[in-house]
């Protein structure tokens, strides 16, 4: 193993991690007055879009692992943005519902969310932005099954297959248990 860390700036994994840090920081800066995180935003939007979903469905909808989702849902409930209701068929299962303050927050935070998206892409030329987004979406889609929390939307959108691009999910390869991350 080399002690030379000059390879890092050329590694896609390192660059993607850095871009995620930048995107997270931009979101927190733009949404500062809301005291809200990108993961909380994603969860709240998903709950608003699918009233009554359970935590497992929420994990699948936003590609978040089960160990993290409980903390996120707990924070949203503590802030009064969602409520958990016992399931009709199985009282151990809780269905998630957005509250009026949660709906207002989604509406009020939208300008900050849109500003964040613009700022992330702002350094690119307009013609580069669409190419970057297409490539990013393709990488995420084709590598989805390698995630420890793959995206599994409840309603699969049917799209025609592009020539040379498999629409079948990639086979998940075994790998060591990922280290626990700090709650979000």
N, C-alpha and C. Protein backbone atom coordinates (compact mmCIF):
# COMPACT_ATOMS: atom_id res chain seq x y z
N UNK A 1 0.85 -1.18 0.00
CA UNK A 1 0.00 0.00 0.00
C UNK A 1 0.89 1.24 0.00
N UNK A 2 0.51 2.18 -0.80
CA UNK A 2 1.30 3.40 -0.93
C UNK A 2 0.90 4.43 0.13
N UNK A 3 1.87 5.18 0.59
CA UNK A 3 1.58 6.27 1.52
C UNK A 3 1.18 7.53 0.78
N UNK A 4 1.15 7.45 -0.55
CA UNK A 4 0.85 8.60 -1.39
C UNK A 4 -0.66 8.78 -1.48
N UNK A 5 -1.18 9.84 -0.85
CA UNK A 5 -2.63 10.07 -0.90
C UNK A 5 -3.03 10.97 -2.05
N UNK A 6 -2.11 11.22 -2.98
CA UNK A 6 -2.44 12.07 -4.13
C UNK A 6 -3.39 11.37 -5.09
N UNK A 7 -3.64 10.09 -4.89
CA UNK A 7 -4.58 9.35 -5.74
C UNK A 7 -6.03 9.70 -5.42
N UNK A 8 -6.30 10.14 -4.20
CA UNK A 8 -7.68 10.40 -3.78
C UNK A 8 -8.46 11.30 -4.73
N UNK A 9 -7.90 12.43 -5.16
CA UNK A 9 -8.69 13.31 -6.03
C UNK A 9 -9.12 12.68 -7.37
N UNK A 10 -8.54 11.54 -7.71
CA UNK A 10 -8.90 10.87 -8.96
C UNK A 10 -9.81 9.67 -8.74
N UNK A 11 -10.20 9.42 -7.51
CA UNK A 11 -11.05 8.27 -7.21
C UNK A 11 -12.51 8.68 -7.18
N UNK A 12 -13.36 8.02 -7.99
CA UNK A 12 -14.77 8.40 -8.03
C UNK A 12 -15.45 8.32 -6.66
N UNK A 13 -15.15 7.30 -5.89
CA UNK A 13 -15.77 7.17 -4.57
C UNK A 13 -15.46 8.35 -3.67
N UNK A 14 -14.22 8.78 -3.69
CA UNK A 14 -13.81 9.92 -2.87
C UNK A 14 -14.52 11.20 -3.35
N UNK A 15 -14.58 11.39 -4.65
CA UNK A 15 -15.23 12.58 -5.19
C UNK A 15 -16.73 12.60 -4.90
N UNK A 16 -17.36 11.44 -4.99
CA UNK A 16 -18.79 11.36 -4.70
C UNK A 16 -19.04 11.66 -3.23
N UNK A 17 -18.20 11.13 -2.35
CA UNK A 17 -18.33 11.42 -0.92
C UNK A 17 -18.16 12.91 -0.66
N UNK A 18 -17.20 13.53 -1.32
CA UNK A 18 -16.97 14.97 -1.15
C UNK A 18 -18.17 15.77 -1.67
N UNK A 19 -18.71 15.37 -2.81
CA UNK A 19 -19.87 16.07 -3.36
C UNK A 19 -21.07 15.93 -2.42
N UNK A 20 -21.23 14.77 -1.80
CA UNK A 20 -22.31 14.59 -0.82
C UNK A 20 -22.10 15.53 0.36
N UNK A 21 -20.88 15.67 0.84
CA UNK A 21 -20.60 16.61 1.94
C UNK A 21 -20.97 18.04 1.54
N UNK A 22 -20.61 18.40 0.32
CA UNK A 22 -20.90 19.74 -0.18
C UNK A 22 -22.41 19.96 -0.31
N UNK A 23 -23.11 18.98 -0.88
CA UNK A 23 -24.56 19.09 -1.03
C UNK A 23 -25.23 19.21 0.33
N UNK A 24 -24.78 18.43 1.30
CA UNK A 24 -25.34 18.48 2.65
C UNK A 24 -25.11 19.86 3.28
N UNK A 25 -23.89 20.37 3.14
CA UNK A 25 -23.56 21.69 3.71
C UNK A 25 -24.40 22.79 3.05
N UNK A 26 -24.58 22.71 1.73
CA UNK A 26 -25.40 23.71 1.04
C UNK A 26 -26.84 23.66 1.52
N UNK A 27 -27.38 22.45 1.69
CA UNK A 27 -28.75 22.31 2.18
C UNK A 27 -28.87 22.94 3.57
N UNK A 28 -27.95 22.60 4.46
CA UNK A 28 -28.02 23.14 5.82
C UNK A 28 -27.92 24.66 5.82
N UNK A 29 -27.10 25.19 4.93
CA UNK A 29 -26.94 26.65 4.83
C UNK A 29 -28.23 27.30 4.31
N UNK A 30 -28.79 26.75 3.26
CA UNK A 30 -30.00 27.33 2.66
C UNK A 30 -31.22 27.16 3.56
N UNK A 31 -31.28 26.05 4.30
CA UNK A 31 -32.45 25.75 5.13
C UNK A 31 -32.18 26.02 6.61
N UNK A 32 -31.18 26.85 6.87
CA UNK A 32 -30.74 27.13 8.25
C UNK A 32 -31.90 27.48 9.18
N UNK A 33 -32.81 28.30 8.75
CA UNK A 33 -33.89 28.76 9.62
C UNK A 33 -34.91 27.66 9.94
N UNK A 34 -34.83 26.53 9.23
CA UNK A 34 -35.80 25.45 9.45
C UNK A 34 -35.31 24.38 10.41
N UNK A 35 -34.00 24.37 10.73
CA UNK A 35 -33.43 23.34 11.60
C UNK A 35 -33.85 21.95 11.12
N UNK A 36 -33.48 21.64 9.90
CA UNK A 36 -33.94 20.44 9.21
C UNK A 36 -32.80 19.88 8.38
N UNK A 37 -32.74 18.55 8.25
CA UNK A 37 -31.68 17.92 7.48
C UNK A 37 -32.22 17.39 6.14
N UNK A 38 -31.35 17.12 5.19
CA UNK A 38 -31.81 16.54 3.92
C UNK A 38 -32.52 15.21 4.10
N UNK A 39 -32.07 14.37 5.02
CA UNK A 39 -32.72 13.08 5.24
C UNK A 39 -34.11 13.28 5.84
N UNK A 40 -34.24 14.21 6.78
CA UNK A 40 -35.56 14.50 7.35
C UNK A 40 -36.49 15.03 6.26
N UNK A 41 -35.95 15.87 5.38
CA UNK A 41 -36.75 16.40 4.28
C UNK A 41 -37.25 15.26 3.38
N UNK A 42 -36.35 14.37 2.99
CA UNK A 42 -36.73 13.25 2.12
C UNK A 42 -37.81 12.40 2.78
N UNK A 43 -37.64 12.11 4.06
CA UNK A 43 -38.63 11.29 4.77
C UNK A 43 -39.98 12.00 4.85
N UNK A 44 -39.97 13.28 5.18
CA UNK A 44 -41.23 14.02 5.30
C UNK A 44 -41.96 14.10 3.97
N UNK A 45 -41.22 14.34 2.89
CA UNK A 45 -41.84 14.39 1.56
C UNK A 45 -42.45 13.02 1.21
N UNK A 46 -41.71 11.94 1.48
CA UNK A 46 -42.23 10.60 1.18
C UNK A 46 -43.49 10.30 1.99
N UNK A 47 -43.49 10.67 3.27
CA UNK A 47 -44.67 10.45 4.11
C UNK A 47 -45.84 11.28 3.60
N UNK A 48 -45.57 12.50 3.18
CA UNK A 48 -46.63 13.34 2.61
C UNK A 48 -47.18 12.79 1.31
N UNK A 49 -46.31 12.17 0.52
CA UNK A 49 -46.73 11.61 -0.77
C UNK A 49 -47.44 10.27 -0.64
N UNK A 50 -47.17 9.54 0.45
CA UNK A 50 -47.76 8.21 0.63
C UNK A 50 -48.34 8.09 2.05
N UNK A 51 -49.40 8.81 2.34
CA UNK A 51 -49.96 8.76 3.69
C UNK A 51 -50.26 7.33 4.12
N UNK A 52 -49.85 7.01 5.36
CA UNK A 52 -50.13 5.69 5.90
C UNK A 52 -49.03 4.66 5.68
N UNK A 53 -47.95 5.04 5.00
CA UNK A 53 -46.90 4.06 4.79
C UNK A 53 -46.25 3.71 6.12
N UNK A 54 -45.62 2.53 6.18
CA UNK A 54 -44.92 2.13 7.40
C UNK A 54 -43.44 2.42 7.25
N UNK A 55 -42.67 2.18 8.31
CA UNK A 55 -41.26 2.54 8.28
C UNK A 55 -40.47 1.73 7.26
N UNK A 56 -40.83 0.47 7.05
CA UNK A 56 -40.13 -0.35 6.05
C UNK A 56 -40.36 0.21 4.66
N UNK A 57 -41.58 0.58 4.37
CA UNK A 57 -41.88 1.17 3.07
C UNK A 57 -41.17 2.50 2.92
N UNK A 58 -41.08 3.27 4.00
CA UNK A 58 -40.36 4.54 3.97
C UNK A 58 -38.88 4.30 3.66
N UNK A 59 -38.28 3.30 4.31
CA UNK A 59 -36.87 2.94 4.02
C UNK A 59 -36.69 2.68 2.53
N UNK A 60 -37.59 1.89 1.96
CA UNK A 60 -37.49 1.54 0.55
C UNK A 60 -37.70 2.74 -0.36
N UNK A 61 -38.59 3.64 0.05
CA UNK A 61 -38.94 4.79 -0.79
C UNK A 61 -37.82 5.82 -0.87
N UNK A 62 -37.01 5.95 0.20
CA UNK A 62 -35.96 6.97 0.19
C UNK A 62 -34.56 6.37 0.28
N UNK A 63 -34.46 5.04 0.19
CA UNK A 63 -33.18 4.33 0.22
C UNK A 63 -32.38 4.66 1.48
N UNK A 64 -33.01 4.40 2.62
CA UNK A 64 -32.36 4.63 3.90
C UNK A 64 -32.40 3.34 4.69
N UNK A 65 -31.35 3.05 5.45
CA UNK A 65 -31.30 1.79 6.18
C UNK A 65 -32.20 1.84 7.42
N UNK A 66 -32.61 0.67 7.86
CA UNK A 66 -33.56 0.55 8.98
C UNK A 66 -32.99 1.10 10.28
N UNK A 67 -31.68 0.99 10.47
CA UNK A 67 -31.10 1.46 11.72
C UNK A 67 -31.17 2.98 11.85
N UNK A 68 -31.24 3.67 10.73
CA UNK A 68 -31.30 5.14 10.74
C UNK A 68 -32.73 5.66 10.75
N UNK A 69 -33.64 4.94 10.09
CA UNK A 69 -34.99 5.47 9.89
C UNK A 69 -35.74 5.70 11.20
N UNK A 70 -35.51 4.86 12.20
CA UNK A 70 -36.21 5.03 13.47
C UNK A 70 -35.90 6.37 14.12
N UNK A 71 -34.62 6.76 14.07
CA UNK A 71 -34.23 8.06 14.64
C UNK A 71 -34.85 9.20 13.85
N UNK A 72 -34.86 9.08 12.54
CA UNK A 72 -35.42 10.13 11.68
C UNK A 72 -36.91 10.29 11.97
N UNK A 73 -37.63 9.17 11.98
CA UNK A 73 -39.07 9.22 12.25
C UNK A 73 -39.33 9.78 13.65
N UNK A 74 -38.52 9.37 14.63
CA UNK A 74 -38.67 9.89 15.98
C UNK A 74 -38.50 11.40 16.04
N UNK A 75 -37.52 11.91 15.33
CA UNK A 75 -37.31 13.37 15.31
C UNK A 75 -38.47 14.10 14.64
N UNK A 76 -38.97 13.54 13.53
CA UNK A 76 -40.10 14.17 12.84
C UNK A 76 -41.34 14.18 13.74
N UNK A 77 -41.55 13.09 14.45
CA UNK A 77 -42.70 13.01 15.36
C UNK A 77 -42.53 13.99 16.52
N UNK A 78 -41.33 14.06 17.08
CA UNK A 78 -41.06 14.97 18.21
C UNK A 78 -41.28 16.43 17.80
N UNK A 79 -40.98 16.75 16.55
CA UNK A 79 -41.18 18.12 16.04
C UNK A 79 -42.64 18.38 15.67
N UNK A 80 -43.48 17.36 15.76
CA UNK A 80 -44.89 17.52 15.44
C UNK A 80 -45.19 17.55 13.95
N UNK A 81 -44.27 17.03 13.14
CA UNK A 81 -44.43 17.08 11.68
C UNK A 81 -45.13 15.84 11.13
N UNK A 82 -45.08 14.75 11.89
CA UNK A 82 -45.78 13.52 11.51
C UNK A 82 -46.41 12.93 12.76
N UNK A 83 -47.29 11.97 12.53
CA UNK A 83 -47.83 11.19 13.64
C UNK A 83 -47.81 9.72 13.24
N UNK A 84 -47.60 8.87 14.24
CA UNK A 84 -47.62 7.42 14.03
C UNK A 84 -48.94 6.90 14.54
N UNK A 85 -49.56 6.04 13.74
CA UNK A 85 -50.86 5.47 14.09
C UNK A 85 -50.72 3.95 14.06
N UNK A 86 -51.29 3.27 15.08
CA UNK A 86 -51.25 1.80 15.07
C UNK A 86 -51.93 1.27 13.82
N UNK A 87 -51.34 0.25 13.24
CA UNK A 87 -51.91 -0.37 12.05
C UNK A 87 -53.22 -1.07 12.37
N UNK A 88 -54.12 -1.11 11.41
CA UNK A 88 -55.43 -1.74 11.62
C UNK A 88 -55.28 -3.26 11.72
N UNK A 89 -54.48 -3.85 10.84
CA UNK A 89 -54.32 -5.31 10.81
C UNK A 89 -53.31 -5.78 11.85
N UNK A 90 -52.24 -5.03 12.03
CA UNK A 90 -51.17 -5.43 12.95
C UNK A 90 -50.80 -4.21 13.79
N UNK A 91 -51.18 -4.24 15.06
CA UNK A 91 -50.98 -3.08 15.93
C UNK A 91 -49.50 -2.80 16.21
N UNK A 92 -48.60 -3.77 15.89
CA UNK A 92 -47.17 -3.53 16.06
C UNK A 92 -46.64 -2.63 14.95
N UNK A 93 -47.33 -2.64 13.82
CA UNK A 93 -46.93 -1.81 12.69
C UNK A 93 -47.56 -0.44 12.85
N UNK A 94 -46.75 0.58 12.67
CA UNK A 94 -47.24 1.96 12.77
C UNK A 94 -47.30 2.56 11.37
N UNK A 95 -48.43 3.16 11.05
CA UNK A 95 -48.52 3.89 9.79
C UNK A 95 -48.16 5.35 10.07
N UNK A 96 -47.52 5.96 9.10
CA UNK A 96 -47.01 7.32 9.26
C UNK A 96 -47.86 8.30 8.46
N UNK A 97 -48.18 9.41 9.11
CA UNK A 97 -49.03 10.43 8.48
C UNK A 97 -48.42 11.80 8.74
N UNK A 98 -48.43 12.63 7.72
CA UNK A 98 -47.94 14.00 7.86
C UNK A 98 -49.00 14.83 8.57
N UNK A 99 -48.56 15.79 9.37
CA UNK A 99 -49.47 16.69 10.07
C UNK A 99 -49.57 18.00 9.27
N UNK A 100 -50.48 18.86 9.68
CA UNK A 100 -50.61 20.17 9.03
C UNK A 100 -49.29 20.95 9.13
N UNK A 101 -48.62 20.98 10.31
CA UNK A 101 -47.33 21.67 10.37
C UNK A 101 -46.28 21.03 9.44
N UNK A 102 -46.34 19.71 9.27
CA UNK A 102 -45.42 19.04 8.35
C UNK A 102 -45.66 19.47 6.92
N UNK A 103 -46.92 19.56 6.52
CA UNK A 103 -47.26 20.02 5.17
C UNK A 103 -46.83 21.46 4.95
N UNK A 104 -47.02 22.29 5.97
CA UNK A 104 -46.58 23.70 5.87
C UNK A 104 -45.06 23.78 5.72
N UNK A 105 -44.35 22.94 6.47
CA UNK A 105 -42.89 22.96 6.39
C UNK A 105 -42.42 22.60 4.99
N UNK A 106 -43.01 21.57 4.40
CA UNK A 106 -42.62 21.20 3.03
C UNK A 106 -42.83 22.38 2.09
N UNK A 107 -43.96 23.04 2.22
CA UNK A 107 -44.24 24.19 1.36
C UNK A 107 -43.25 25.33 1.63
N UNK A 108 -42.99 25.62 2.89
CA UNK A 108 -42.14 26.75 3.25
C UNK A 108 -40.66 26.52 2.95
N UNK A 109 -40.21 25.28 3.02
CA UNK A 109 -38.79 24.98 2.81
C UNK A 109 -38.45 24.82 1.32
N UNK A 110 -39.46 24.71 0.49
CA UNK A 110 -39.24 24.45 -0.95
C UNK A 110 -38.28 25.44 -1.61
N UNK A 111 -38.39 26.75 -1.39
CA UNK A 111 -37.42 27.66 -2.01
C UNK A 111 -35.97 27.35 -1.60
N UNK A 112 -35.76 26.97 -0.34
CA UNK A 112 -34.40 26.62 0.12
C UNK A 112 -33.92 25.34 -0.55
N UNK A 113 -34.81 24.39 -0.72
CA UNK A 113 -34.45 23.12 -1.38
C UNK A 113 -34.08 23.39 -2.84
N UNK A 114 -34.89 24.20 -3.52
CA UNK A 114 -34.59 24.51 -4.92
C UNK A 114 -33.30 25.31 -5.06
N UNK A 115 -33.05 26.24 -4.14
CA UNK A 115 -31.81 27.01 -4.16
C UNK A 115 -30.61 26.08 -3.97
N UNK A 116 -30.75 25.10 -3.10
CA UNK A 116 -29.67 24.13 -2.88
C UNK A 116 -29.36 23.38 -4.17
N UNK A 117 -30.40 22.92 -4.86
CA UNK A 117 -30.18 22.16 -6.09
C UNK A 117 -29.45 23.03 -7.13
N UNK A 118 -29.86 24.29 -7.23
CA UNK A 118 -29.20 25.20 -8.19
C UNK A 118 -27.74 25.43 -7.81
N UNK A 119 -27.47 25.61 -6.52
CA UNK A 119 -26.10 25.87 -6.07
C UNK A 119 -25.19 24.67 -6.30
N UNK A 120 -25.71 23.47 -6.12
CA UNK A 120 -24.91 22.26 -6.36
C UNK A 120 -24.41 22.23 -7.80
N UNK A 121 -25.28 22.58 -8.73
CA UNK A 121 -24.94 22.50 -10.15
C UNK A 121 -24.37 23.80 -10.72
N UNK A 122 -24.43 24.89 -9.98
CA UNK A 122 -24.03 26.20 -10.48
C UNK A 122 -22.63 26.26 -11.09
N UNK A 123 -21.63 25.55 -10.54
CA UNK A 123 -20.30 25.64 -11.14
C UNK A 123 -20.20 25.05 -12.56
N UNK A 124 -21.17 24.23 -12.94
CA UNK A 124 -21.16 23.63 -14.27
C UNK A 124 -21.80 24.57 -15.29
N UNK A 125 -21.37 24.46 -16.52
CA UNK A 125 -22.02 25.18 -17.61
C UNK A 125 -23.41 24.59 -17.79
N UNK A 126 -24.37 25.39 -18.24
CA UNK A 126 -25.73 24.85 -18.43
C UNK A 126 -25.76 23.56 -19.25
N UNK A 127 -24.97 23.48 -20.29
CA UNK A 127 -24.96 22.26 -21.12
C UNK A 127 -24.37 21.07 -20.37
N UNK A 128 -23.50 21.31 -19.41
CA UNK A 128 -22.89 20.23 -18.64
C UNK A 128 -23.84 19.70 -17.57
N UNK A 129 -24.75 20.53 -17.10
CA UNK A 129 -25.65 20.14 -16.01
C UNK A 129 -26.53 18.97 -16.40
N UNK A 130 -27.13 19.02 -17.57
CA UNK A 130 -28.02 17.92 -17.96
C UNK A 130 -27.22 16.64 -18.21
N UNK A 131 -26.04 16.77 -18.79
CA UNK A 131 -25.19 15.59 -19.02
C UNK A 131 -24.78 14.98 -17.67
N UNK A 132 -24.36 15.83 -16.74
CA UNK A 132 -23.97 15.35 -15.41
C UNK A 132 -25.14 14.64 -14.74
N UNK A 133 -26.33 15.22 -14.78
CA UNK A 133 -27.49 14.62 -14.14
C UNK A 133 -27.85 13.29 -14.78
N UNK A 134 -27.79 13.21 -16.11
CA UNK A 134 -28.07 11.94 -16.78
C UNK A 134 -27.09 10.86 -16.34
N UNK A 135 -25.81 11.21 -16.29
CA UNK A 135 -24.79 10.24 -15.89
C UNK A 135 -24.94 9.86 -14.42
N UNK A 136 -25.23 10.82 -13.58
CA UNK A 136 -25.41 10.56 -12.16
C UNK A 136 -26.59 9.61 -11.93
N UNK A 137 -27.71 9.90 -12.58
CA UNK A 137 -28.89 9.04 -12.46
C UNK A 137 -28.58 7.62 -12.94
N UNK A 138 -27.85 7.52 -14.03
CA UNK A 138 -27.51 6.22 -14.59
C UNK A 138 -26.61 5.44 -13.62
N UNK A 139 -25.59 6.09 -13.07
CA UNK A 139 -24.71 5.43 -12.11
C UNK A 139 -25.49 4.95 -10.89
N UNK A 140 -26.36 5.79 -10.36
CA UNK A 140 -27.13 5.42 -9.18
C UNK A 140 -28.07 4.27 -9.52
N UNK A 141 -28.76 4.34 -10.64
CA UNK A 141 -29.70 3.29 -11.03
C UNK A 141 -28.99 1.96 -11.23
N UNK A 142 -27.89 1.97 -11.97
CA UNK A 142 -27.20 0.72 -12.29
C UNK A 142 -26.44 0.13 -11.10
N UNK A 143 -26.16 0.94 -10.11
CA UNK A 143 -25.46 0.46 -8.91
C UNK A 143 -26.39 0.33 -7.71
N UNK A 144 -27.68 0.52 -7.89
CA UNK A 144 -28.64 0.53 -6.79
C UNK A 144 -28.52 -0.69 -5.88
N UNK A 145 -28.41 -1.87 -6.45
CA UNK A 145 -28.40 -3.10 -5.65
C UNK A 145 -27.14 -3.26 -4.82
N UNK A 146 -26.13 -2.45 -5.06
CA UNK A 146 -24.91 -2.53 -4.26
C UNK A 146 -25.01 -1.70 -2.98
N UNK A 147 -26.07 -0.94 -2.86
CA UNK A 147 -26.27 -0.09 -1.68
C UNK A 147 -26.69 -0.93 -0.49
N UNK A 148 -26.32 -0.50 0.70
CA UNK A 148 -26.81 -1.21 1.88
C UNK A 148 -28.27 -0.89 2.12
N UNK A 149 -28.79 0.12 1.44
CA UNK A 149 -30.21 0.47 1.49
C UNK A 149 -30.67 0.82 0.09
N UNK A 150 -30.90 -0.20 -0.77
CA UNK A 150 -31.30 0.10 -2.15
C UNK A 150 -32.66 0.80 -2.21
N UNK A 151 -32.80 1.64 -3.21
CA UNK A 151 -34.08 2.30 -3.46
C UNK A 151 -35.05 1.26 -4.00
N UNK A 152 -36.20 1.16 -3.38
CA UNK A 152 -37.23 0.22 -3.82
C UNK A 152 -38.57 0.95 -3.81
N UNK A 153 -38.81 1.75 -4.85
CA UNK A 153 -40.08 2.50 -4.89
C UNK A 153 -41.27 1.55 -4.94
N UNK A 154 -42.36 1.97 -4.31
CA UNK A 154 -43.55 1.12 -4.26
C UNK A 154 -44.20 0.99 -5.62
N UNK A 155 -44.08 2.02 -6.43
CA UNK A 155 -44.65 1.98 -7.79
C UNK A 155 -43.50 2.13 -8.77
N UNK A 156 -43.11 1.03 -9.40
CA UNK A 156 -42.04 1.07 -10.38
C UNK A 156 -42.53 1.82 -11.62
N UNK A 157 -41.76 2.80 -12.03
CA UNK A 157 -42.08 3.51 -13.27
C UNK A 157 -41.57 2.69 -14.43
N UNK A 158 -42.42 2.44 -15.39
CA UNK A 158 -41.96 1.66 -16.53
C UNK A 158 -41.37 2.62 -17.56
N UNK A 159 -40.16 2.28 -17.96
CA UNK A 159 -39.47 3.05 -18.98
C UNK A 159 -38.96 2.09 -20.02
N UNK A 160 -38.97 2.50 -21.28
CA UNK A 160 -38.43 1.60 -22.29
C UNK A 160 -36.94 1.39 -22.06
N UNK A 161 -36.49 0.18 -22.28
CA UNK A 161 -35.07 -0.14 -22.11
C UNK A 161 -34.25 0.55 -23.19
N UNK A 162 -33.11 1.09 -22.77
CA UNK A 162 -32.19 1.68 -23.75
C UNK A 162 -31.29 0.59 -24.25
N UNK A 163 -30.95 0.66 -25.49
CA UNK A 163 -30.11 -0.36 -26.07
C UNK A 163 -28.77 -0.42 -25.34
N UNK A 164 -28.39 -1.63 -24.94
CA UNK A 164 -27.11 -1.82 -24.28
C UNK A 164 -27.14 -1.55 -22.79
N UNK A 165 -28.30 -1.15 -22.24
CA UNK A 165 -28.39 -0.89 -20.81
C UNK A 165 -29.43 -1.83 -20.23
N UNK A 166 -29.01 -2.67 -19.33
CA UNK A 166 -29.92 -3.61 -18.69
C UNK A 166 -30.84 -2.86 -17.75
N UNK A 167 -32.12 -3.20 -17.77
CA UNK A 167 -33.06 -2.60 -16.82
C UNK A 167 -33.23 -3.51 -15.61
N UNK A 168 -32.65 -4.71 -15.66
CA UNK A 168 -32.73 -5.61 -14.51
C UNK A 168 -31.79 -5.10 -13.43
N UNK A 169 -32.19 -5.24 -12.18
CA UNK A 169 -31.31 -4.79 -11.10
C UNK A 169 -30.02 -5.60 -11.09
N UNK A 170 -28.94 -4.94 -10.74
CA UNK A 170 -27.67 -5.62 -10.64
C UNK A 170 -27.73 -6.60 -9.48
N UNK A 171 -27.01 -7.72 -9.58
CA UNK A 171 -26.99 -8.68 -8.49
C UNK A 171 -26.20 -8.11 -7.33
N UNK A 172 -26.73 -8.25 -6.18
CA UNK A 172 -26.08 -7.75 -4.99
C UNK A 172 -24.94 -8.69 -4.61
N UNK A 173 -23.78 -8.13 -4.42
CA UNK A 173 -22.62 -8.92 -4.03
C UNK A 173 -22.50 -8.86 -2.53
N UNK A 174 -22.02 -9.99 -1.95
CA UNK A 174 -21.85 -9.98 -0.51
C UNK A 174 -20.66 -9.12 -0.14
N UNK A 175 -20.75 -8.48 0.99
CA UNK A 175 -19.67 -7.64 1.48
C UNK A 175 -19.77 -7.60 3.00
N UNK A 176 -18.71 -7.21 3.66
CA UNK A 176 -18.75 -7.17 5.13
C UNK A 176 -19.83 -6.22 5.63
N UNK A 177 -20.32 -6.50 6.81
CA UNK A 177 -21.33 -5.63 7.44
C UNK A 177 -20.78 -4.22 7.53
N UNK A 178 -21.55 -3.26 7.07
CA UNK A 178 -21.12 -1.85 7.11
C UNK A 178 -21.09 -1.38 8.55
N UNK A 179 -20.15 -0.49 8.82
CA UNK A 179 -20.06 0.08 10.17
C UNK A 179 -21.27 0.94 10.44
N UNK A 180 -21.72 0.96 11.69
CA UNK A 180 -22.87 1.80 12.05
C UNK A 180 -22.49 3.26 11.91
N UNK A 181 -23.40 4.00 11.35
CA UNK A 181 -23.19 5.45 11.19
C UNK A 181 -23.96 6.19 12.25
N UNK A 182 -23.56 7.42 12.43
CA UNK A 182 -24.25 8.27 13.38
C UNK A 182 -25.67 8.53 12.89
N UNK A 183 -26.65 8.63 13.78
CA UNK A 183 -28.03 8.90 13.36
C UNK A 183 -28.13 10.23 12.62
N UNK A 184 -29.11 10.30 11.76
CA UNK A 184 -29.30 11.50 10.95
C UNK A 184 -30.46 12.29 11.44
